[in-house]
Each structure stands twice: as C-alpha cells, then as structure tokens.
C-alpha cells in the first residue's frame, strides 16, 4: 500500500497553473444558458442524456505531442502563442500516481534556464522539502510554495548546467517524505527518455511568443 498518492484533481491544478504561465487563467463555471433549439429533439424518449464532446475552447488543455515518457501539454488561447509545458506523471513501485512535474523553458540571460511546477500529495512532510537530482549527482533541496486541494506545490528553477544534466542523464530521482512516516522517504524516478526533444519543443513555443506579440 502506497504511503502517498495524488488526488485526481492534481492534473487540473497543473493545467490551471500552465494557463497562468500564459498570462491568463480560465476557471470552469456552471453554465446557466438555456439549451439550444433542437436539443430536446436530440434527447432520447426516456429523457437520458447521451452526452456531448468536451469543450475545446480557450482555457482547455491538451496533449500536443509525445516525446517518449514526456508529453508536451498546451493550453488553448483565443489568440497568440499557446503556453506549453513538458509533463510527466510520476508513479511509485506499485504503480500509484504520486506526483506530477510540468517543466517549461525561460528566457535566456537569467539565472534559471528552465522552471518546473511539481505537485505532490497533501500528506507530504513539507518541512523536509523536496529533493531532486540527476543520476548519481548530489540532489538539491527545494521548498514547497503552497498547498491546495490538489496537493502541495513546489516551483523550482534549473540552471543551464542542470538542464544539460537532464539532457545527458539516464534518470532524475525526486524524493519526498510522508508526514505519517517521517522516518521514511518515497523516491520517484523521473524518466529522461525524450527530454532533449521535448525541451527543444517547449523552448520553440517560448521563442515564438515575441513573434506572436509583434
């Protein structure tokens, strides 16, 4: 039995965070509009709803492309360049979904060449922080930023050298500590298969932003 697991709403939280990166955040609201003409005729005689395709308008997220163990997830916008992140769902040895990471590129010239939003379960011991390192390298410790119903979030930055380590490495390892068992730890592998091509795709969406604004 896993000590930690993510609620199903975590993916939604990451998608909303991705939307915020693009400068706008869309929240789903219950529609109060009257059904379109002809809707009653389409309903079966017994009154059961047959459902409809999910909305694909601005604010909805989708998988644009897959790179081995990474997905390029983007958020639809009304105009301009869609904000995108490189996404991976992290599971423990029992196949339980424990954490999520969404990684994005940053403009050149800053201390951080890339950033990431990482979501872990609420049952995580926050004071222990989050440890992350590539292969056998000494891991760094990152603090958690805030918690919501979806989980606890760490927003971290990576230097250009650390991004290169992601490109060349076999895997990264993220370690968190359960609050119910502070003497134990949960190590989660982050596959780096497909990272190089995926990060180049993310960087390309970032590079296209100034062109879209012009």
N, C-alpha and C. Protein backbone atom coordinates (compact mmCIF):
# COMPACT_ATOMS: atom_id res chain seq x y z
N UNK A 1 0.85 -1.20 0.00
CA UNK A 1 0.00 0.00 0.00
C UNK A 1 0.88 1.25 0.00
N UNK A 2 0.57 2.15 -0.88
CA UNK A 2 1.39 3.35 -1.00
C UNK A 2 1.12 4.32 0.14
N UNK A 3 2.18 4.96 0.64
CA UNK A 3 2.03 5.96 1.70
C UNK A 3 1.51 7.28 1.15
N UNK A 4 1.73 7.53 -0.14
CA UNK A 4 1.35 8.79 -0.74
C UNK A 4 0.70 8.55 -2.08
N UNK A 5 -0.29 9.36 -2.40
CA UNK A 5 -0.91 9.29 -3.72
C UNK A 5 -1.55 10.63 -4.03
N UNK A 6 -1.59 10.97 -5.31
CA UNK A 6 -2.17 12.24 -5.75
C UNK A 6 -3.68 12.12 -5.92
N UNK A 7 -4.42 13.17 -5.55
CA UNK A 7 -5.85 13.18 -5.88
C UNK A 7 -6.02 13.37 -7.37
N UNK A 8 -7.16 12.96 -7.90
CA UNK A 8 -7.40 13.06 -9.34
C UNK A 8 -7.43 14.51 -9.82
N UNK A 9 -7.65 15.44 -8.91
CA UNK A 9 -7.75 16.85 -9.31
C UNK A 9 -6.40 17.50 -9.55
N UNK A 10 -5.31 16.76 -9.30
CA UNK A 10 -3.99 17.35 -9.45
C UNK A 10 -3.70 17.75 -10.89
N UNK A 11 -4.13 16.91 -11.85
CA UNK A 11 -3.89 17.25 -13.25
C UNK A 11 -4.57 18.56 -13.63
N UNK A 12 -5.77 18.77 -13.08
CA UNK A 12 -6.48 20.02 -13.35
C UNK A 12 -5.70 21.20 -12.78
N UNK A 13 -5.16 21.02 -11.57
CA UNK A 13 -4.40 22.12 -10.95
C UNK A 13 -3.18 22.46 -11.77
N UNK A 14 -2.51 21.44 -12.31
CA UNK A 14 -1.33 21.69 -13.12
C UNK A 14 -1.71 22.39 -14.41
N UNK A 15 -2.85 22.00 -14.97
CA UNK A 15 -3.32 22.64 -16.19
C UNK A 15 -3.64 24.11 -15.94
N UNK A 16 -4.25 24.41 -14.80
CA UNK A 16 -4.57 25.79 -14.46
C UNK A 16 -3.29 26.58 -14.23
N UNK A 17 -2.31 25.96 -13.60
CA UNK A 17 -1.04 26.63 -13.40
C UNK A 17 -0.36 26.93 -14.72
N UNK A 18 -0.51 26.00 -15.69
CA UNK A 18 0.04 26.21 -17.01
C UNK A 18 -0.63 27.38 -17.70
N UNK A 19 -1.94 27.51 -17.53
CA UNK A 19 -2.65 28.64 -18.11
C UNK A 19 -2.14 29.94 -17.53
N UNK A 20 -1.84 29.94 -16.23
CA UNK A 20 -1.35 31.15 -15.58
C UNK A 20 -0.03 31.60 -16.18
N UNK A 21 0.80 30.62 -16.61
CA UNK A 21 2.08 30.98 -17.22
C UNK A 21 1.86 31.82 -18.46
N UNK A 22 0.75 31.55 -19.17
CA UNK A 22 0.48 32.29 -20.40
C UNK A 22 -0.13 33.65 -20.15
N UNK A 23 -0.38 34.00 -18.88
CA UNK A 23 -0.86 35.34 -18.57
C UNK A 23 -2.35 35.40 -18.33
N UNK A 24 -3.06 34.29 -18.43
CA UNK A 24 -4.49 34.30 -18.16
C UNK A 24 -4.88 32.98 -17.54
N UNK A 25 -5.92 32.98 -16.71
CA UNK A 25 -6.37 31.77 -16.07
C UNK A 25 -7.86 31.62 -16.29
N UNK A 26 -8.28 30.49 -16.83
CA UNK A 26 -9.69 30.24 -17.08
C UNK A 26 -10.20 29.21 -16.10
N UNK A 27 -11.29 29.51 -15.41
CA UNK A 27 -11.91 28.59 -14.48
C UNK A 27 -13.23 28.13 -15.04
N UNK A 28 -13.49 26.83 -14.91
CA UNK A 28 -14.75 26.29 -15.40
C UNK A 28 -15.88 26.75 -14.51
N UNK A 29 -16.99 27.19 -15.13
CA UNK A 29 -18.14 27.64 -14.39
C UNK A 29 -19.36 26.90 -14.90
N UNK A 30 -20.31 26.69 -14.03
CA UNK A 30 -21.53 26.01 -14.42
C UNK A 30 -22.32 26.90 -15.36
N UNK A 31 -22.75 26.34 -16.48
CA UNK A 31 -23.50 27.11 -17.46
C UNK A 31 -24.94 27.26 -17.04
N UNK A 32 -25.45 28.48 -17.19
CA UNK A 32 -26.85 28.74 -16.86
C UNK A 32 -27.64 29.08 -18.12
N UNK A 33 -27.00 28.90 -19.29
CA UNK A 33 -27.67 29.23 -20.53
C UNK A 33 -28.73 28.19 -20.85
N UNK A 34 -29.79 28.61 -21.53
CA UNK A 34 -30.84 27.68 -21.93
C UNK A 34 -30.32 26.78 -23.04
N UNK A 35 -30.79 25.52 -23.12
CA UNK A 35 -30.34 24.63 -24.18
C UNK A 35 -30.69 25.17 -25.55
N UNK A 36 -29.84 24.87 -26.52
CA UNK A 36 -30.06 25.36 -27.87
C UNK A 36 -31.31 24.72 -28.45
N UNK A 37 -31.91 25.42 -29.44
CA UNK A 37 -33.10 24.90 -30.07
C UNK A 37 -32.79 23.56 -30.73
N UNK A 38 -33.68 22.62 -30.55
CA UNK A 38 -33.48 21.31 -31.13
C UNK A 38 -32.83 20.33 -30.18
N UNK A 39 -32.32 20.83 -29.01
CA UNK A 39 -31.66 19.95 -28.06
C UNK A 39 -32.64 18.91 -27.52
N UNK A 40 -33.90 19.35 -27.29
CA UNK A 40 -34.89 18.42 -26.74
C UNK A 40 -35.18 17.31 -27.73
N UNK A 41 -35.16 17.65 -29.01
CA UNK A 41 -35.44 16.65 -30.03
C UNK A 41 -34.33 15.61 -30.11
N UNK A 42 -33.10 16.02 -29.76
CA UNK A 42 -31.96 15.10 -29.81
C UNK A 42 -31.93 14.16 -28.62
N UNK A 43 -32.62 14.51 -27.54
CA UNK A 43 -32.61 13.67 -26.35
C UNK A 43 -33.47 12.44 -26.60
N UNK A 44 -33.07 11.28 -26.05
CA UNK A 44 -33.88 10.08 -26.23
C UNK A 44 -35.21 10.22 -25.51
N UNK A 45 -36.20 9.35 -25.88
CA UNK A 45 -37.55 9.46 -25.36
C UNK A 45 -37.61 9.29 -23.85
N UNK A 46 -36.66 8.52 -23.28
CA UNK A 46 -36.70 8.29 -21.84
C UNK A 46 -36.04 9.40 -21.05
N UNK A 47 -35.60 10.47 -21.71
CA UNK A 47 -35.04 11.61 -21.01
C UNK A 47 -33.58 11.48 -20.61
N UNK A 48 -32.88 10.43 -21.04
CA UNK A 48 -31.48 10.25 -20.68
C UNK A 48 -30.58 11.10 -21.57
N UNK A 49 -29.56 11.70 -20.95
CA UNK A 49 -28.61 12.48 -21.72
C UNK A 49 -27.62 11.54 -22.41
N UNK A 50 -27.35 11.78 -23.66
CA UNK A 50 -26.39 10.99 -24.42
C UNK A 50 -25.00 11.61 -24.41
N UNK A 51 -24.86 12.75 -23.70
CA UNK A 51 -23.55 13.39 -23.58
C UNK A 51 -23.16 14.14 -24.83
N UNK A 52 -22.03 14.84 -24.71
CA UNK A 52 -21.53 15.61 -25.85
C UNK A 52 -20.01 15.71 -25.73
N UNK A 53 -19.38 16.07 -26.80
CA UNK A 53 -17.92 16.20 -26.80
C UNK A 53 -17.50 17.30 -25.85
N UNK A 54 -16.37 17.12 -25.13
CA UNK A 54 -15.90 18.16 -24.21
C UNK A 54 -15.52 19.43 -24.95
N UNK A 55 -15.64 20.55 -24.25
CA UNK A 55 -15.31 21.84 -24.85
C UNK A 55 -13.83 21.91 -25.18
N UNK A 56 -13.52 22.51 -26.31
CA UNK A 56 -12.14 22.65 -26.74
C UNK A 56 -11.81 24.12 -26.98
N UNK A 57 -12.46 24.99 -26.22
CA UNK A 57 -12.24 26.40 -26.38
C UNK A 57 -11.06 26.89 -25.56
N UNK A 58 -10.87 28.21 -25.51
CA UNK A 58 -9.77 28.79 -24.74
C UNK A 58 -9.80 28.34 -23.29
N UNK A 59 -8.62 28.02 -22.75
CA UNK A 59 -8.51 27.57 -21.37
C UNK A 59 -8.45 26.07 -21.22
N UNK A 60 -8.82 25.32 -22.25
CA UNK A 60 -8.76 23.86 -22.17
C UNK A 60 -7.36 23.39 -22.54
N UNK A 61 -6.90 22.35 -21.85
CA UNK A 61 -5.55 21.84 -22.10
C UNK A 61 -5.62 20.58 -22.96
N UNK A 62 -4.54 20.28 -23.66
CA UNK A 62 -4.49 19.10 -24.50
C UNK A 62 -3.04 18.67 -24.69
N UNK A 63 -2.85 17.41 -25.08
CA UNK A 63 -1.51 16.89 -25.36
C UNK A 63 -1.19 17.16 -26.83
N UNK A 64 -0.23 18.03 -27.06
CA UNK A 64 0.12 18.41 -28.43
C UNK A 64 1.04 17.40 -29.08
N UNK A 65 1.95 16.83 -28.27
CA UNK A 65 2.92 15.88 -28.83
C UNK A 65 3.51 15.06 -27.69
N UNK A 66 3.96 13.85 -28.01
CA UNK A 66 4.57 12.97 -27.01
C UNK A 66 6.04 12.75 -27.36
N UNK A 67 6.88 12.75 -26.34
CA UNK A 67 8.31 12.51 -26.50
C UNK A 67 8.72 11.41 -25.52
N UNK A 68 8.59 10.16 -25.94
CA UNK A 68 8.86 9.03 -25.06
C UNK A 68 8.02 9.13 -23.78
N UNK A 69 8.68 9.39 -22.64
CA UNK A 69 7.96 9.43 -21.36
C UNK A 69 7.48 10.82 -20.98
N UNK A 70 7.63 11.78 -21.89
CA UNK A 70 7.17 13.14 -21.64
C UNK A 70 6.05 13.50 -22.61
N UNK A 71 5.17 14.39 -22.17
CA UNK A 71 4.12 14.92 -23.02
C UNK A 71 4.25 16.43 -23.10
N UNK A 72 4.05 16.98 -24.30
CA UNK A 72 4.00 18.42 -24.46
C UNK A 72 2.54 18.83 -24.30
N UNK A 73 2.20 19.42 -23.16
CA UNK A 73 0.83 19.81 -22.85
C UNK A 73 0.69 21.33 -23.02
N UNK A 74 -0.32 21.70 -23.77
CA UNK A 74 -0.55 23.12 -24.05
C UNK A 74 -1.96 23.52 -23.65
N UNK A 75 -2.16 24.82 -23.52
CA UNK A 75 -3.47 25.38 -23.19
C UNK A 75 -3.93 26.25 -24.35
N UNK A 76 -5.15 26.00 -24.82
CA UNK A 76 -5.69 26.77 -25.94
C UNK A 76 -5.95 28.22 -25.51
N UNK A 77 -5.63 29.14 -26.39
CA UNK A 77 -5.88 30.57 -26.15
C UNK A 77 -6.65 31.14 -27.33
N UNK A 78 -7.31 32.27 -27.11
CA UNK A 78 -8.08 32.90 -28.19
C UNK A 78 -7.18 33.41 -29.30
N UNK A 79 -6.03 33.94 -28.93
CA UNK A 79 -5.08 34.44 -29.93
C UNK A 79 -3.68 34.39 -29.35
N UNK A 80 -2.69 34.40 -30.22
CA UNK A 80 -1.32 34.39 -29.76
C UNK A 80 -0.78 32.97 -29.60
N UNK A 81 0.38 32.87 -28.97
CA UNK A 81 1.05 31.59 -28.80
C UNK A 81 0.50 30.85 -27.58
N UNK A 82 0.23 29.58 -27.74
CA UNK A 82 -0.28 28.77 -26.63
C UNK A 82 0.86 28.48 -25.63
N UNK A 83 0.61 28.67 -24.32
CA UNK A 83 1.62 28.30 -23.33
C UNK A 83 1.69 26.78 -23.21
N UNK A 84 2.89 26.24 -23.16
CA UNK A 84 3.09 24.79 -23.11
C UNK A 84 4.09 24.42 -22.03
N UNK A 85 3.94 23.20 -21.54
CA UNK A 85 4.88 22.63 -20.58
C UNK A 85 5.19 21.20 -20.97
N UNK A 86 6.34 20.73 -20.53
CA UNK A 86 6.73 19.33 -20.70
C UNK A 86 6.28 18.59 -19.45
N UNK A 87 5.42 17.61 -19.60
CA UNK A 87 4.73 16.98 -18.47
C UNK A 87 5.09 15.51 -18.31
N UNK A 88 5.16 15.08 -17.04
CA UNK A 88 5.33 13.66 -16.75
C UNK A 88 4.64 13.32 -15.43
N UNK A 89 3.89 12.23 -15.43
CA UNK A 89 3.25 11.72 -14.23
C UNK A 89 4.21 10.73 -13.56
N UNK A 90 4.44 10.91 -12.27
CA UNK A 90 5.40 10.08 -11.55
C UNK A 90 4.67 9.07 -10.69
N UNK A 91 5.09 7.80 -10.79
CA UNK A 91 4.47 6.72 -10.04
C UNK A 91 5.49 6.01 -9.17
N UNK A 92 5.00 5.39 -8.08
CA UNK A 92 5.88 4.63 -7.20
C UNK A 92 6.02 3.21 -7.75
N UNK A 93 6.70 2.35 -6.98
CA UNK A 93 6.94 0.99 -7.42
C UNK A 93 5.69 0.16 -7.57
N UNK A 94 4.58 0.57 -6.93
CA UNK A 94 3.31 -0.15 -7.03
C UNK A 94 2.41 0.40 -8.14
N UNK A 95 2.92 1.37 -8.89
CA UNK A 95 2.12 1.94 -9.97
C UNK A 95 1.14 2.99 -9.51
N UNK A 96 1.26 3.47 -8.28
CA UNK A 96 0.38 4.52 -7.77
C UNK A 96 0.88 5.89 -8.22
N UNK A 97 -0.02 6.71 -8.72
CA UNK A 97 0.34 8.07 -9.14
C UNK A 97 0.64 8.90 -7.91
N UNK A 98 1.86 9.37 -7.78
CA UNK A 98 2.30 10.07 -6.57
C UNK A 98 2.57 11.55 -6.83
N UNK A 99 3.11 11.90 -7.97
CA UNK A 99 3.49 13.30 -8.21
C UNK A 99 3.41 13.62 -9.69
N UNK A 100 3.43 14.91 -10.00
CA UNK A 100 3.42 15.39 -11.37
C UNK A 100 4.46 16.48 -11.52
N UNK A 101 5.08 16.54 -12.68
CA UNK A 101 6.03 17.61 -12.96
C UNK A 101 5.70 18.21 -14.31
N UNK A 102 5.64 19.54 -14.35
CA UNK A 102 5.44 20.28 -15.59
C UNK A 102 6.61 21.24 -15.75
N UNK A 103 7.40 21.05 -16.77
CA UNK A 103 8.64 21.81 -16.94
C UNK A 103 8.53 22.74 -18.14
N UNK A 104 9.06 23.96 -18.00
CA UNK A 104 8.98 24.96 -19.06
C UNK A 104 10.30 25.69 -19.19
N UNK A 105 10.57 26.22 -20.37
CA UNK A 105 11.81 26.98 -20.60
C UNK A 105 11.61 28.43 -20.19
N UNK A 106 12.71 29.12 -19.93
CA UNK A 106 12.70 30.52 -19.54
C UNK A 106 13.60 31.32 -20.47
N UNK A 107 13.38 32.63 -20.58
CA UNK A 107 14.20 33.46 -21.48
C UNK A 107 15.68 33.38 -21.12
N UNK A 108 16.52 33.52 -22.10
CA UNK A 108 17.97 33.48 -21.88
C UNK A 108 18.42 34.70 -21.07
N UNK A 109 19.52 34.53 -20.38
CA UNK A 109 20.11 35.62 -19.62
C UNK A 109 19.82 35.58 -18.14
N UNK A 110 18.84 34.80 -17.72
CA UNK A 110 18.52 34.71 -16.30
C UNK A 110 19.29 33.60 -15.61
N UNK A 111 19.23 33.57 -14.29
CA UNK A 111 19.92 32.53 -13.54
C UNK A 111 19.31 31.16 -13.83
N UNK A 112 18.00 31.12 -14.01
CA UNK A 112 17.31 29.87 -14.31
C UNK A 112 17.02 29.76 -15.81
N UNK A 113 17.44 28.65 -16.41
CA UNK A 113 17.18 28.41 -17.82
C UNK A 113 15.85 27.70 -18.03
N UNK A 114 15.37 27.08 -16.96
CA UNK A 114 14.08 26.37 -17.03
C UNK A 114 13.45 26.40 -15.65
N UNK A 115 12.15 26.25 -15.63
CA UNK A 115 11.42 26.19 -14.37
C UNK A 115 10.51 24.98 -14.39
N UNK A 116 10.02 24.61 -13.22
CA UNK A 116 9.12 23.46 -13.14
C UNK A 116 8.11 23.67 -12.02
N UNK A 117 6.91 23.19 -12.27
CA UNK A 117 5.87 23.13 -11.24
C UNK A 117 5.70 21.66 -10.88
N UNK A 118 5.90 21.34 -9.62
CA UNK A 118 5.82 19.95 -9.15
C UNK A 118 4.71 19.85 -8.11
N UNK A 119 3.81 18.91 -8.29
CA UNK A 119 2.70 18.70 -7.35
C UNK A 119 2.87 17.35 -6.66
N UNK A 120 2.80 17.36 -5.33
CA UNK A 120 2.91 16.14 -4.53
C UNK A 120 1.68 16.05 -3.62
N UNK A 121 1.44 14.90 -3.00
CA UNK A 121 0.25 14.74 -2.15
C UNK A 121 0.25 15.65 -0.92
N UNK A 122 -0.94 15.92 -0.41
CA UNK A 122 -1.09 16.74 0.79
C UNK A 122 -0.44 16.10 2.00
N UNK A 123 -0.30 14.77 1.99
CA UNK A 123 0.25 14.06 3.14
C UNK A 123 1.78 14.12 3.18
N UNK A 124 2.37 15.00 2.39
CA UNK A 124 3.83 15.13 2.36
C UNK A 124 4.31 15.98 3.53
N UNK A 125 5.44 15.60 4.12
CA UNK A 125 6.06 16.39 5.20
C UNK A 125 6.74 17.60 4.57
N UNK A 126 6.14 18.76 4.70
CA UNK A 126 6.63 19.94 3.98
C UNK A 126 7.98 20.42 4.49
N UNK A 127 8.22 20.27 5.78
CA UNK A 127 9.48 20.77 6.34
C UNK A 127 10.69 20.00 5.81
N UNK A 128 10.47 18.81 5.27
CA UNK A 128 11.58 18.03 4.72
C UNK A 128 11.96 18.49 3.33
N UNK A 129 11.08 19.28 2.70
CA UNK A 129 11.36 19.75 1.37
C UNK A 129 11.29 18.65 0.33
N UNK A 130 11.71 19.00 -0.86
CA UNK A 130 11.71 18.08 -1.99
C UNK A 130 13.14 17.96 -2.50
N UNK A 131 13.63 16.75 -2.62
CA UNK A 131 14.99 16.52 -3.11
C UNK A 131 14.95 16.06 -4.55
N UNK A 132 15.84 16.61 -5.37
CA UNK A 132 15.85 16.23 -6.78
C UNK A 132 17.27 16.29 -7.31
N UNK A 133 17.67 15.22 -7.96
CA UNK A 133 19.00 15.15 -8.56
C UNK A 133 18.99 14.22 -9.75
N UNK A 134 20.01 14.34 -10.61
CA UNK A 134 20.12 13.52 -11.81
C UNK A 134 21.17 12.45 -11.60
N UNK A 135 20.77 11.20 -11.88
CA UNK A 135 21.65 10.04 -11.75
C UNK A 135 22.31 10.03 -10.36
N UNK A 136 23.62 10.00 -10.30
CA UNK A 136 24.32 9.90 -9.01
C UNK A 136 24.74 11.26 -8.45
N UNK A 137 24.34 12.34 -9.09
CA UNK A 137 24.73 13.67 -8.63
C UNK A 137 24.07 13.99 -7.29
N UNK A 138 24.72 14.84 -6.51
CA UNK A 138 24.16 15.26 -5.23
C UNK A 138 22.85 16.01 -5.47
N UNK A 139 21.75 15.56 -4.86
CA UNK A 139 20.47 16.24 -5.10
C UNK A 139 20.40 17.59 -4.39
N UNK A 140 19.57 18.48 -4.92
CA UNK A 140 19.28 19.75 -4.27
C UNK A 140 17.96 19.63 -3.51
N UNK A 141 17.79 20.48 -2.50
CA UNK A 141 16.55 20.50 -1.72
C UNK A 141 15.78 21.76 -2.09
N UNK A 142 14.50 21.58 -2.44
CA UNK A 142 13.64 22.69 -2.83
C UNK A 142 12.47 22.80 -1.85
N UNK A 143 12.07 24.02 -1.50
CA UNK A 143 10.94 24.19 -0.58
C UNK A 143 9.61 24.10 -1.33
N UNK A 144 8.56 23.86 -0.58
CA UNK A 144 7.22 23.88 -1.15
C UNK A 144 6.68 25.30 -1.08
N UNK A 145 5.92 25.70 -2.11
CA UNK A 145 5.43 27.06 -2.21
C UNK A 145 4.07 27.24 -1.56
N UNK A 146 3.15 26.32 -1.83
CA UNK A 146 1.81 26.40 -1.24
C UNK A 146 1.13 25.05 -1.41
N UNK A 147 -0.01 24.89 -0.75
CA UNK A 147 -0.82 23.68 -0.86
C UNK A 147 -2.26 24.07 -1.20
N UNK A 148 -2.93 23.20 -1.94
CA UNK A 148 -4.34 23.38 -2.27
C UNK A 148 -4.99 22.01 -2.17
N UNK A 149 -6.25 21.91 -2.55
CA UNK A 149 -6.93 20.63 -2.50
C UNK A 149 -6.28 19.61 -3.42
N UNK A 150 -5.62 20.08 -4.45
CA UNK A 150 -4.99 19.16 -5.41
C UNK A 150 -3.69 18.58 -4.89
N UNK A 151 -3.05 19.25 -3.93
CA UNK A 151 -1.76 18.78 -3.42
C UNK A 151 -0.89 19.96 -3.04
N UNK A 152 0.36 19.67 -2.75
CA UNK A 152 1.33 20.70 -2.39
C UNK A 152 2.27 20.95 -3.57
N UNK A 153 2.56 22.22 -3.78
CA UNK A 153 3.27 22.64 -4.99
C UNK A 153 4.64 23.20 -4.67
N UNK A 154 5.62 22.77 -5.45
CA UNK A 154 6.96 23.35 -5.40
C UNK A 154 7.24 23.94 -6.78
N UNK A 155 7.63 25.20 -6.82
CA UNK A 155 8.00 25.85 -8.08
C UNK A 155 9.51 26.06 -8.05
N UNK A 156 10.22 25.34 -8.90
CA UNK A 156 11.68 25.30 -8.82
C UNK A 156 12.29 25.80 -10.12
N UNK A 157 13.55 26.19 -10.04
CA UNK A 157 14.29 26.65 -11.20
C UNK A 157 15.51 25.79 -11.43
N UNK A 158 15.90 25.64 -12.69
CA UNK A 158 17.08 24.86 -13.05
C UNK A 158 18.04 25.74 -13.86
N UNK A 159 19.31 25.66 -13.54
CA UNK A 159 20.33 26.40 -14.30
C UNK A 159 20.55 25.72 -15.64
N UNK A 160 21.28 26.40 -16.52
CA UNK A 160 21.59 25.82 -17.83
C UNK A 160 22.39 24.53 -17.66
N UNK A 161 23.28 24.49 -16.68
CA UNK A 161 24.07 23.28 -16.43
C UNK A 161 23.17 22.13 -15.97
N UNK A 162 22.17 22.45 -15.17
CA UNK A 162 21.26 21.41 -14.71
C UNK A 162 20.36 20.90 -15.84
N UNK A 163 19.98 21.80 -16.74
CA UNK A 163 19.21 21.38 -17.91
C UNK A 163 20.05 20.45 -18.78
N UNK A 164 21.34 20.76 -18.94
CA UNK A 164 22.24 19.89 -19.70
C UNK A 164 22.36 18.52 -19.04
N UNK A 165 22.33 18.50 -17.71
CA UNK A 165 22.39 17.23 -17.00
C UNK A 165 21.13 16.41 -17.28
N UNK A 166 19.99 17.08 -17.39
CA UNK A 166 18.75 16.39 -17.77
C UNK A 166 18.89 15.80 -19.17
N UNK A 167 19.51 16.55 -20.07
CA UNK A 167 19.67 16.06 -21.45
C UNK A 167 20.57 14.83 -21.51
N UNK A 168 21.62 14.83 -20.72
CA UNK A 168 22.62 13.76 -20.80
C UNK A 168 22.34 12.60 -19.85
N UNK A 169 21.51 12.81 -18.85
CA UNK A 169 21.31 11.81 -17.81
C UNK A 169 20.39 10.67 -18.22
N UNK A 170 20.43 9.61 -17.41
CA UNK A 170 19.55 8.47 -17.64
C UNK A 170 18.21 8.64 -16.96
N UNK A 171 18.25 9.20 -15.73
CA UNK A 171 17.01 9.47 -15.00
C UNK A 171 17.30 10.48 -13.90
N UNK A 172 16.27 11.17 -13.48
CA UNK A 172 16.35 12.04 -12.30
C UNK A 172 15.57 11.34 -11.20
N UNK A 173 15.93 11.61 -9.97
CA UNK A 173 15.25 11.00 -8.82
C UNK A 173 14.74 12.10 -7.91
N UNK A 174 13.45 12.06 -7.62
CA UNK A 174 12.82 13.01 -6.71
C UNK A 174 12.42 12.27 -5.45
N UNK A 175 12.75 12.84 -4.31
CA UNK A 175 12.46 12.19 -3.03
C UNK A 175 11.64 13.10 -2.14
N UNK A 176 10.55 12.56 -1.60
CA UNK A 176 9.71 13.29 -0.65
C UNK A 176 9.50 12.41 0.58
N UNK A 177 9.05 13.02 1.67
CA UNK A 177 8.88 12.32 2.94
C UNK A 177 7.41 12.35 3.35
N UNK A 178 6.81 11.19 3.67
CA UNK A 178 5.42 11.18 4.12
C UNK A 178 5.28 11.77 5.52
N UNK A 179 4.25 12.58 5.74
CA UNK A 179 4.04 13.18 7.06
C UNK A 179 3.71 12.12 8.10
N UNK A 180 3.05 11.03 7.67
CA UNK A 180 2.66 9.98 8.62
C UNK A 180 3.81 9.07 8.96
N UNK A 181 4.90 9.14 8.19
CA UNK A 181 6.07 8.30 8.45
C UNK A 181 7.33 9.12 8.18
N UNK A 182 7.64 10.08 9.06
CA UNK A 182 8.77 10.99 8.82
C UNK A 182 10.13 10.30 8.80
N UNK A 183 10.18 9.04 9.25
CA UNK A 183 11.44 8.30 9.23
C UNK A 183 11.63 7.55 7.91
N UNK A 184 10.67 7.69 7.01
CA UNK A 184 10.75 7.03 5.72
C UNK A 184 10.78 8.08 4.61
N UNK A 185 11.07 7.61 3.40
CA UNK A 185 11.07 8.51 2.25
C UNK A 185 10.53 7.75 1.03
N UNK A 186 10.02 8.51 0.09
CA UNK A 186 9.49 7.94 -1.15
C UNK A 186 10.32 8.50 -2.30
N UNK A 187 11.02 7.61 -2.99
CA UNK A 187 11.86 8.01 -4.13
C UNK A 187 11.11 7.73 -5.42
N UNK A 188 11.02 8.73 -6.27
CA UNK A 188 10.29 8.62 -7.53
C UNK A 188 11.24 8.89 -8.69
N UNK A 189 11.27 7.98 -9.65
CA UNK A 189 12.11 8.16 -10.82
C UNK A 189 11.44 9.09 -11.82
N UNK A 190 12.20 10.02 -12.35
CA UNK A 190 11.75 10.88 -13.46
C UNK A 190 12.51 10.43 -14.69
N UNK A 191 11.81 9.80 -15.61
CA UNK A 191 12.47 9.33 -16.83
C UNK A 191 12.95 10.53 -17.66
N UNK A 192 14.14 10.40 -18.20
CA UNK A 192 14.68 11.46 -19.06
C UNK A 192 14.65 11.05 -20.53
N UNK A 193 14.00 9.91 -20.81
CA UNK A 193 13.84 9.49 -22.21
C UNK A 193 12.94 10.48 -22.94
N UNK A 194 13.45 11.06 -23.98
CA UNK A 194 12.70 12.03 -24.75
C UNK A 194 12.80 13.45 -24.24
N UNK A 195 13.57 13.67 -23.19
CA UNK A 195 13.64 15.01 -22.60
C UNK A 195 14.23 16.03 -23.57
N UNK A 196 15.32 15.68 -24.24
CA UNK A 196 16.00 16.63 -25.11
C UNK A 196 15.07 17.16 -26.20
N UNK A 197 14.41 16.24 -26.91
CA UNK A 197 13.49 16.67 -27.97
C UNK A 197 12.31 17.43 -27.39
N UNK A 198 11.82 16.97 -26.23
CA UNK A 198 10.68 17.64 -25.61
C UNK A 198 11.02 19.05 -25.15
N UNK A 199 12.20 19.22 -24.57
CA UNK A 199 12.58 20.55 -24.10
C UNK A 199 12.80 21.49 -25.27
N UNK A 200 13.34 20.98 -26.37
CA UNK A 200 13.50 21.82 -27.56
C UNK A 200 12.14 22.29 -28.08
N UNK A 201 11.14 21.41 -27.98
CA UNK A 201 9.79 21.79 -28.42
C UNK A 201 9.22 22.87 -27.51
N UNK A 202 9.45 22.74 -26.20
CA UNK A 202 8.98 23.76 -25.26
C UNK A 202 9.68 25.08 -25.52
N UNK A 203 10.99 25.01 -25.73
CA UNK A 203 11.76 26.23 -26.00
C UNK A 203 11.29 26.90 -27.28
N UNK A 204 10.87 26.11 -28.26
CA UNK A 204 10.39 26.67 -29.52
C UNK A 204 9.10 27.45 -29.31
N UNK A 205 8.22 26.96 -28.42
CA UNK A 205 6.99 27.70 -28.14
C UNK A 205 7.30 28.99 -27.42
N UNK A 206 8.31 28.97 -26.57
CA UNK A 206 8.73 30.19 -25.87
C UNK A 206 9.32 31.20 -26.85
N UNK A 207 10.13 30.70 -27.78
CA UNK A 207 10.77 31.59 -28.76
C UNK A 207 9.76 32.23 -29.69
N UNK A 208 8.61 31.56 -29.88
CA UNK A 208 7.60 32.09 -30.79
C UNK A 208 6.76 33.19 -30.16
N UNK A 209 6.83 33.34 -28.85
CA UNK A 209 6.00 34.33 -28.16
C UNK A 209 6.27 35.76 -28.62
N UNK A 210 7.52 36.22 -28.71
CA UNK A 210 7.74 37.61 -29.17
C UNK A 210 7.21 37.83 -30.57
N UNK A 211 7.33 36.80 -31.47
CA UNK A 211 6.84 36.94 -32.82
C UNK A 211 5.33 37.12 -32.82
N UNK A 212 4.66 36.37 -31.94
CA UNK A 212 3.20 36.48 -31.87
C UNK A 212 2.78 37.86 -31.38
N UNK A 213 3.57 38.41 -30.45
CA UNK A 213 3.22 39.72 -29.90
C UNK A 213 3.44 40.82 -30.93
N UNK A 214 4.42 40.62 -31.81
CA UNK A 214 4.67 41.61 -32.85
C UNK A 214 3.54 41.62 -33.88
